[in-house]
Protein backbone atom coordinates (compact mmCIF):
# COMPACT_ATOMS: atom_id res chain seq x y z
CA MET A 1 -30.06 -58.23 89.92
CA LYS A 2 -29.48 -54.65 91.03
CA LYS A 3 -25.86 -55.39 89.91
CA ASN A 4 -26.87 -55.72 86.33
CA TYR A 5 -29.42 -52.40 86.50
CA THR A 6 -26.74 -50.45 87.86
CA SER A 7 -24.58 -51.76 84.65
CA ILE A 8 -26.98 -50.81 82.28
CA ARG A 9 -27.71 -47.41 83.76
CA LYS A 10 -23.88 -46.67 83.27
CA LEU A 11 -24.43 -47.87 79.93
CA ILE A 12 -27.20 -45.34 78.88
CA PRO A 13 -25.27 -42.32 78.36
CA ILE A 14 -23.16 -43.99 75.94
CA ILE A 15 -25.95 -45.40 74.19
CA ILE A 16 -27.57 -42.24 73.45
CA LEU A 17 -23.99 -40.50 72.46
CA ALA A 18 -24.07 -43.22 69.71
CA LEU A 19 -27.58 -42.55 68.78
CA PHE A 20 -26.86 -39.16 68.68
CA ALA A 21 -23.75 -39.47 66.63
CA LEU A 22 -25.84 -41.70 64.10
CA ILE A 23 -28.52 -39.31 63.68
CA LEU A 24 -25.77 -36.58 62.62
CA ILE A 25 -24.05 -38.81 60.28
CA SER A 26 -27.60 -39.54 58.60
CA ALA A 27 -28.43 -35.83 58.44
CA CYS A 28 -25.34 -35.04 56.56
CA GLY A 29 -26.11 -37.32 54.03
CA PRO A 30 -23.87 -39.77 52.15
CA VAL A 31 -20.40 -38.37 51.80
CA LYS A 32 -19.25 -37.60 48.50
CA LYS A 33 -16.24 -39.32 46.95
CA ASN A 34 -13.74 -37.58 45.10
CA ALA A 35 -14.56 -37.67 41.16
CA THR A 36 -12.41 -40.08 39.20
CA GLY A 37 -11.17 -40.25 35.35
CA LEU A 38 -8.95 -38.69 33.23
CA GLU A 39 -8.39 -35.01 33.01
CA ASP A 40 -8.95 -34.67 29.35
CA GLU A 41 -11.91 -37.08 29.10
CA ILE A 42 -15.51 -35.45 28.91
CA PHE A 43 -18.58 -37.56 28.96
CA VAL A 44 -21.54 -36.04 26.75
CA ILE A 45 -24.86 -37.42 27.80
CA ALA A 46 -27.38 -37.01 24.94
CA ASP A 47 -29.73 -38.64 22.79
CA SER A 48 -27.98 -40.25 20.01
CA VAL A 49 -30.02 -38.40 17.38
CA GLU A 50 -29.47 -34.98 18.86
CA PHE A 51 -25.73 -35.77 19.35
CA GLU A 52 -25.41 -36.42 15.57
CA GLU A 53 -26.66 -32.85 15.19
CA LEU A 54 -24.40 -31.26 18.08
CA GLU A 55 -21.33 -33.19 17.57
CA ALA A 56 -19.43 -31.16 15.21
CA SER A 57 -20.24 -28.00 17.29
CA LEU A 58 -18.85 -30.03 20.36
CA LEU A 59 -15.85 -31.26 18.67
CA GLN A 60 -14.97 -27.96 17.57
CA VAL A 61 -14.95 -26.32 20.64
CA PHE A 62 -13.61 -29.15 23.28
CA SER A 63 -11.56 -31.26 20.86
CA LYS A 64 -9.70 -28.56 19.21
CA ILE A 65 -6.17 -29.60 18.03
CA ILE A 66 -3.21 -28.27 19.88
CA TYR A 67 0.24 -28.85 18.88
CA THR A 68 3.21 -29.61 21.21
CA PRO A 69 4.68 -30.02 18.02
CA GLN A 70 2.37 -33.30 17.68
CA PRO A 71 -1.12 -32.60 16.99
CA GLU A 72 -3.21 -33.63 20.63
CA LYS A 73 -6.75 -33.24 21.09
CA LEU A 74 -7.62 -30.57 24.04
CA PHE A 75 -10.43 -33.03 25.45
CA ARG A 76 -11.68 -36.26 24.37
CA LEU A 77 -15.66 -36.57 24.03
CA THR A 78 -17.25 -39.81 24.51
CA ARG A 79 -21.12 -40.13 24.44
CA LYS A 80 -23.51 -42.13 26.62
CA SER A 81 -26.98 -42.20 27.01
CA ILE A 82 -29.13 -41.05 29.73
CA ASN A 83 -30.11 -44.43 30.63
CA GLN A 84 -25.99 -44.64 31.87
CA ILE A 85 -26.32 -41.71 34.11
CA GLU A 86 -25.67 -43.85 37.14
CA SER A 87 -22.14 -45.00 36.08
CA LEU A 88 -20.94 -41.41 35.10
CA LYS A 89 -22.03 -39.90 38.57
CA LYS A 90 -18.61 -40.43 39.80
CA LYS A 91 -16.51 -38.79 36.66
CA LYS A 92 -15.02 -35.55 36.63
CA ASN A 93 -16.14 -34.07 33.47
CA VAL A 94 -20.02 -34.39 32.55
CA ILE A 95 -21.88 -32.69 29.84
CA ILE A 96 -25.60 -32.95 29.67
CA ALA A 97 -26.88 -31.73 26.26
CA ALA A 98 -30.33 -31.24 24.35
CA PRO A 99 -32.94 -28.75 23.61
CA LEU A 100 -35.18 -27.87 26.40
CA ASN A 101 -38.59 -29.16 24.83
CA SER A 102 -37.39 -31.71 22.23
CA GLY A 103 -39.24 -34.70 24.20
CA SER A 104 -36.10 -36.76 24.29
CA LEU A 105 -35.08 -38.43 27.55
CA THR A 106 -32.36 -35.95 27.58
CA SER A 107 -34.69 -33.20 27.34
CA ASN A 108 -37.16 -34.64 30.00
CA TYR A 109 -34.21 -34.79 32.46
CA ILE A 110 -32.84 -31.37 31.91
CA ASN A 111 -36.24 -30.27 32.41
CA GLY A 112 -36.12 -32.05 35.83
CA LEU A 113 -33.23 -30.45 36.90
CA LEU A 114 -34.00 -26.74 35.94
CA ASN A 115 -36.44 -24.90 37.98
CA PRO A 116 -39.54 -22.80 36.43
CA GLU A 117 -37.80 -19.57 36.42
CA VAL A 118 -34.67 -20.81 34.83
CA LYS A 119 -36.52 -22.69 32.05
CA LYS A 120 -38.11 -19.23 31.19
CA ILE A 121 -34.76 -17.76 30.91
CA VAL A 122 -33.62 -20.72 28.36
CA GLU A 123 -36.81 -20.47 26.26
CA GLN A 124 -36.00 -16.71 25.87
CA ASP A 125 -32.50 -17.81 24.99
CA SER A 126 -31.06 -15.74 27.64
CA ALA A 127 -28.86 -18.57 29.02
CA TYR A 128 -27.84 -21.96 27.88
CA VAL A 129 -25.18 -23.26 30.09
CA PHE A 130 -25.55 -24.09 33.52
CA ASN A 131 -22.66 -25.48 35.77
CA LYS A 132 -22.96 -27.81 38.60
CA TYR A 133 -20.14 -28.14 40.51
CA ASP A 134 -19.69 -31.34 43.12
CA LEU A 135 -23.11 -32.42 42.37
CA TRP A 136 -22.28 -36.28 42.58
CA ALA A 137 -18.83 -36.22 43.52
CA ASN A 138 -15.97 -33.70 44.74
CA ASP A 139 -14.09 -31.68 42.22
CA GLN A 140 -16.49 -32.62 39.67
CA LEU A 141 -18.05 -30.46 36.85
CA VAL A 142 -21.65 -31.25 35.25
CA MET A 143 -22.23 -28.60 32.56
CA VAL A 144 -25.78 -28.45 31.25
CA LEU A 145 -26.35 -27.42 28.01
CA THR A 146 -29.72 -26.48 26.59
CA SER A 147 -31.48 -23.98 24.45
CA PRO A 148 -35.13 -23.77 23.11
CA THR A 149 -33.84 -25.66 19.90
CA ILE A 150 -31.22 -27.79 18.50
CA GLU A 151 -30.21 -24.99 16.02
CA GLN A 152 -29.94 -22.39 18.78
CA LEU A 153 -28.13 -24.63 20.81
CA ASN A 154 -25.41 -25.27 18.14
CA LYS A 155 -25.07 -21.66 17.68
CA ASN A 156 -24.70 -21.08 21.46
CA ILE A 157 -22.11 -23.32 21.91
CA LEU A 158 -20.10 -22.24 19.14
CA ASN A 159 -20.43 -18.71 20.14
CA GLY A 160 -19.44 -19.28 23.84
CA HIS A 161 -16.55 -21.47 23.22
CA GLU A 162 -13.76 -19.73 25.57
CA ASN A 163 -16.05 -19.75 28.41
CA LEU A 164 -17.08 -23.38 28.01
CA ILE A 165 -13.45 -24.35 27.77
CA HIS A 166 -12.42 -21.98 30.39
CA ASN A 167 -14.83 -23.90 32.96
CA PHE A 168 -13.43 -27.23 32.29
CA GLN A 169 -9.83 -26.17 32.29
CA THR A 170 -10.23 -24.23 35.73
CA ILE A 171 -11.54 -27.11 37.38
CA SER A 172 -8.80 -29.48 36.06
CA ASP A 173 -6.08 -27.12 37.13
CA LYS A 174 -7.74 -27.03 40.67
CA ARG A 175 -7.72 -30.92 40.93
CA LEU A 176 -4.32 -30.89 39.31
CA PHE A 177 -2.93 -28.53 41.81
CA LYS A 178 -4.38 -30.67 44.74
CA SER A 179 -2.56 -33.76 43.37
CA LEU A 180 0.75 -32.12 42.61
CA TYR A 181 0.91 -30.28 46.05
CA ASN A 182 2.46 -32.26 49.17
CA ALA A 183 4.30 -30.36 51.95
CA LYS A 184 6.16 -33.21 52.64
CA TYR A 185 7.84 -33.20 49.46
CA GLU A 186 7.94 -29.44 48.80
CA ARG A 187 11.35 -27.99 48.33
CA LYS A 188 10.96 -25.17 51.04
CA ASP A 189 14.77 -24.59 51.39
CA LEU A 190 14.69 -23.65 47.50
CA GLU A 191 11.54 -21.33 48.07
CA ALA A 192 13.28 -19.70 51.02
CA GLN A 193 16.26 -19.14 48.56
CA ILE A 194 14.34 -17.43 46.01
CA LEU A 195 12.16 -15.49 48.49
CA ARG A 196 15.36 -14.08 49.92
CA ASP A 197 17.04 -13.04 46.97
CA HIS A 198 14.01 -12.36 44.85
CA GLY A 199 11.15 -11.43 47.03
CA TRP A 200 8.67 -14.11 45.38
CA ILE A 201 8.17 -17.55 45.42
CA LEU A 202 6.68 -20.63 43.24
CA TYR A 203 5.76 -23.91 44.53
CA VAL A 204 8.90 -26.23 44.11
CA GLN A 205 8.31 -29.99 44.09
CA ALA A 206 11.09 -32.32 45.39
CA ASP A 207 12.39 -33.31 42.10
CA TYR A 208 13.09 -29.70 40.96
CA LEU A 209 16.71 -28.70 40.95
CA LEU A 210 17.62 -24.94 41.43
CA ALA A 211 19.96 -24.96 38.07
CA MET A 212 20.38 -21.21 38.57
CA ASN A 213 20.08 -18.47 40.70
CA LYS A 214 21.15 -14.75 39.45
CA PRO A 215 19.85 -12.34 41.78
CA GLU A 216 21.92 -9.60 39.95
CA ASP A 217 20.37 -10.71 36.85
CA ASN A 218 16.79 -10.96 38.11
CA PHE A 219 16.70 -14.59 37.01
CA VAL A 220 15.77 -18.12 38.58
CA TRP A 221 15.86 -21.36 36.52
CA LEU A 222 14.62 -24.30 37.81
CA ARG A 223 14.96 -28.04 36.25
CA ARG A 224 13.34 -31.29 36.75
CA ALA A 225 14.84 -34.83 35.31
CA VAL A 226 17.92 -33.37 33.72
CA ASN A 227 19.25 -34.67 30.60
CA THR A 228 16.40 -37.42 30.21
CA ASP A 229 13.69 -37.60 27.47
CA MET A 230 11.35 -35.87 29.72
CA GLU A 231 13.13 -32.81 30.84
CA ARG A 232 11.19 -29.96 32.34
CA TRP A 233 12.38 -25.96 32.70
CA ILE A 234 11.16 -23.09 34.66
CA PHE A 235 12.40 -19.92 34.60
CA ALA A 236 11.37 -16.50 35.97
CA TYR A 237 12.85 -13.22 35.08
CA TYR A 238 11.91 -9.62 36.01
CA ILE A 239 12.33 -6.10 34.98
CA GLU A 240 12.66 -3.55 37.81
CA ASN A 241 11.10 0.11 37.81
CA ALA A 242 9.15 -1.09 34.58
CA SER A 243 6.53 -0.22 32.79
CA PRO A 244 3.24 -1.86 31.83
CA VAL A 245 3.59 -0.26 28.31
CA TYR A 246 6.24 -3.11 27.37
CA LEU A 247 2.99 -5.84 27.61
CA ASN A 248 2.94 -6.66 23.80
CA ALA A 249 3.55 -9.50 21.85
CA ASP A 250 6.54 -8.33 19.92
CA SER A 251 8.25 -7.24 22.83
CA ILE A 252 7.47 -10.59 24.84
CA GLN A 253 9.42 -12.53 22.14
CA VAL A 254 12.38 -10.25 22.11
CA ILE A 255 12.68 -10.55 25.92
CA ARG A 256 12.05 -14.34 25.99
CA ASN A 257 14.50 -14.97 23.10
CA ARG A 258 16.93 -12.69 24.73
CA VAL A 259 16.97 -14.47 28.22
CA THR A 260 16.87 -17.97 26.56
CA GLU A 261 19.94 -17.08 24.14
CA LYS A 262 21.77 -16.10 27.33
CA TYR A 263 21.04 -18.91 29.72
CA TYR A 264 19.49 -21.96 27.75
CA ARG A 265 22.48 -22.80 25.98
CA SER A 266 23.84 -26.06 24.42
CA SER A 267 26.63 -28.16 26.59
CA ASP A 268 29.21 -27.02 23.68
CA ASN A 269 27.84 -23.46 24.12
CA GLN A 270 27.32 -23.64 20.20
CA SER A 271 23.38 -23.31 20.15
CA PHE A 272 20.52 -21.76 22.26
CA VAL A 273 16.85 -21.96 22.76
CA GLU A 274 14.77 -19.37 20.82
CA ILE A 275 11.17 -19.26 19.78
CA SER A 276 9.76 -21.34 16.90
CA ASP A 277 7.44 -19.25 14.51
CA ASP A 278 5.12 -22.25 14.16
CA TYR A 279 1.49 -22.30 16.24
CA LYS A 280 2.69 -19.12 18.48
CA THR A 281 -0.03 -17.33 19.95
CA THR A 282 -0.58 -14.56 22.64
CA ASN A 283 -3.83 -13.88 24.18
CA GLU A 284 -4.99 -11.40 27.32
CA VAL A 285 -5.66 -13.70 30.44
CA ASN A 286 -6.31 -13.09 33.95
CA PHE A 287 -3.55 -14.45 35.97
CA LEU A 288 -3.88 -14.50 39.66
CA GLY A 289 -5.75 -11.35 39.69
CA ARG A 290 -3.45 -9.11 37.27
CA TYR A 291 -3.61 -8.40 33.74
CA ALA A 292 -1.16 -10.75 31.57
CA LEU A 293 -0.14 -12.03 28.44
CA LEU A 294 -0.05 -15.91 28.01
CA THR A 295 2.13 -16.82 25.16
CA GLN A 296 2.00 -20.42 24.08
CA GLY A 297 4.01 -22.07 21.08
CA LEU A 298 7.21 -24.15 20.36
CA TRP A 299 10.74 -23.68 21.32
CA ARG A 300 13.59 -24.89 19.26
CA MET A 301 17.57 -25.05 19.43
CA SER A 302 19.10 -22.51 17.31
CA ASP A 303 20.77 -25.50 15.03
CA LYS A 304 17.16 -27.21 15.15
CA THR A 305 18.32 -30.32 16.71
CA MET A 306 15.83 -30.30 19.37
CA GLY A 307 12.49 -28.87 20.76
CA GLY A 308 9.32 -28.94 22.40
CA PRO A 309 6.11 -26.69 23.41
CA PHE A 310 6.26 -23.68 26.01
CA LEU A 311 3.97 -21.13 27.71
CA SER A 312 4.83 -17.99 29.36
CA TYR A 313 2.95 -15.74 31.67
CA THR A 314 4.01 -11.98 31.19
CA PHE A 315 2.53 -9.31 33.57
CA TYR A 316 3.18 -6.04 35.29
CA ASP A 317 2.96 -6.35 39.30
CA GLU A 318 1.99 -2.53 40.59
CA ASP A 319 3.40 -3.32 44.12
CA THR A 320 6.97 -4.13 42.97
CA LYS A 321 7.01 -2.04 39.80
CA ARG A 322 8.19 -5.16 38.20
CA ILE A 323 7.46 -7.07 34.74
CA TYR A 324 7.52 -10.81 35.34
CA MET A 325 8.04 -13.36 32.96
CA LEU A 326 7.20 -16.81 34.40
CA ASP A 327 7.96 -19.60 31.78
CA GLY A 328 7.60 -23.06 31.62
CA SER A 329 9.33 -25.67 28.55
CA LEU A 330 9.05 -29.25 28.14
CA TYR A 331 11.59 -31.72 26.30
CA ALA A 332 9.62 -35.00 25.97
CA PRO A 333 10.18 -36.27 22.25
CA LYS A 334 8.92 -39.78 22.87
CA TYR A 335 5.54 -38.92 25.18
CA GLU A 336 2.44 -37.10 24.64
CA LYS A 337 2.95 -33.37 26.17
CA LYS A 338 -0.36 -31.63 26.79
CA SER A 339 -0.99 -33.10 30.50
CA ILE A 340 2.93 -32.31 31.31
CA ILE A 341 2.39 -28.79 29.90
CA GLN A 342 -0.60 -28.32 31.95
CA GLN A 343 1.46 -29.54 35.24
CA LEU A 344 3.95 -26.86 34.22
CA ASP A 345 1.04 -23.99 33.71
CA VAL A 346 -0.23 -25.03 37.10
CA THR A 347 2.77 -24.56 38.64
CA LEU A 348 3.48 -21.23 37.37
CA SER A 349 0.05 -20.37 38.69
CA SER A 350 1.53 -21.06 42.35
CA PHE A 351 3.31 -17.69 42.17
CA MET A 352 3.23 -15.24 44.91
CA THR A 353 5.22 -12.17 46.02
CA LYS A 354 6.02 -11.51 49.43
CA LYS A 355 3.37 -9.30 49.69
CA ASP A 356 0.91 -11.85 48.90
CA MET A 357 2.07 -14.16 51.63
CA SER A 358 1.01 -14.22 55.19
CA GLU A 359 3.65 -13.63 58.05
CA GLU A 360 3.54 -17.24 58.96
CA LYS A 361 4.47 -18.59 55.65
CA ILE A 362 7.13 -16.13 55.35
CA GLU A 363 8.46 -16.97 58.93
CA GLU A 364 8.24 -20.82 58.08
CA LEU A 365 10.33 -20.37 54.78
CA MET A 366 12.95 -18.13 56.40
CA ASP A 367 13.33 -20.84 58.98
CA GLU A 368 15.07 -23.18 56.36
CA LEU A 369 17.58 -20.79 55.96
CA ASP A 370 18.97 -20.76 59.40
């Protein structure tokens, strides 16, 4: 009996530790899972009658058509009832929309989400959108859209279209970068070569090739899936001792056409890539904390034999006194292109100058050259 008692005494500290760990886990609450679903799908929780009145505005904002050159919707909207909310708590993109005090089930749910101070702001029409990140799942955006009346809500949605789209695009890019980045498949050898020769890097996935490296011309060209029906091109070009006065739409088109005419040529050297006049836009954006111009549109061969979408960031970097042009193009005639262009966009956003990098990262890459 004494032997058994001694054994039990030895187990007491272990039991206490186990109970303490269990208490800690319980205190932390349930672990959130990663949000699931398609990047371009938004589930809209709304009363059926109210959704009929909001649908046109929501479609105009979130489902606008982009041309690649085939028409593709930016986001696809799927309406769901508030009674289906449990099945939507794991989804990536969710909108909950209703007037604040309409009496609908969705309106009542929104009232339960917002505290009294926030409701007063809504009633004064001083705010209409409330973003809740990671509400039920990791990397999730739940956007609450509400106003005093259905008419005012429609108006606010249309007036705030750029910010509404930006919120979903930003979190989508964040999720996409997480899925693309993998240190195991990172071409650190190519990144190191680019850093050594040019003083900046992009994240280079394992299946990209360094097609051209011209330090004397300030030019780098990366290619993926060469000579296939889903080929991707990334180039970076920069101008030394530059002035930001060159940051305008006309100059950007001239510079890009000059670069692609020189380097993006057919195998027989008879034709080259140029910007098509169709669907071309240039907008001011914040690119990694820098003022930049984002140009989007279509490229084509000069003999009109092939083409596809492209996007290009052009910006002035104060530290290096350079104007950079970071450009991604896609040739994928048999496929939808919107999601692949987004991948190119996310890759371009991995840009860092040497000054942006830590000493540890620089040393790690330079070791690849030894």
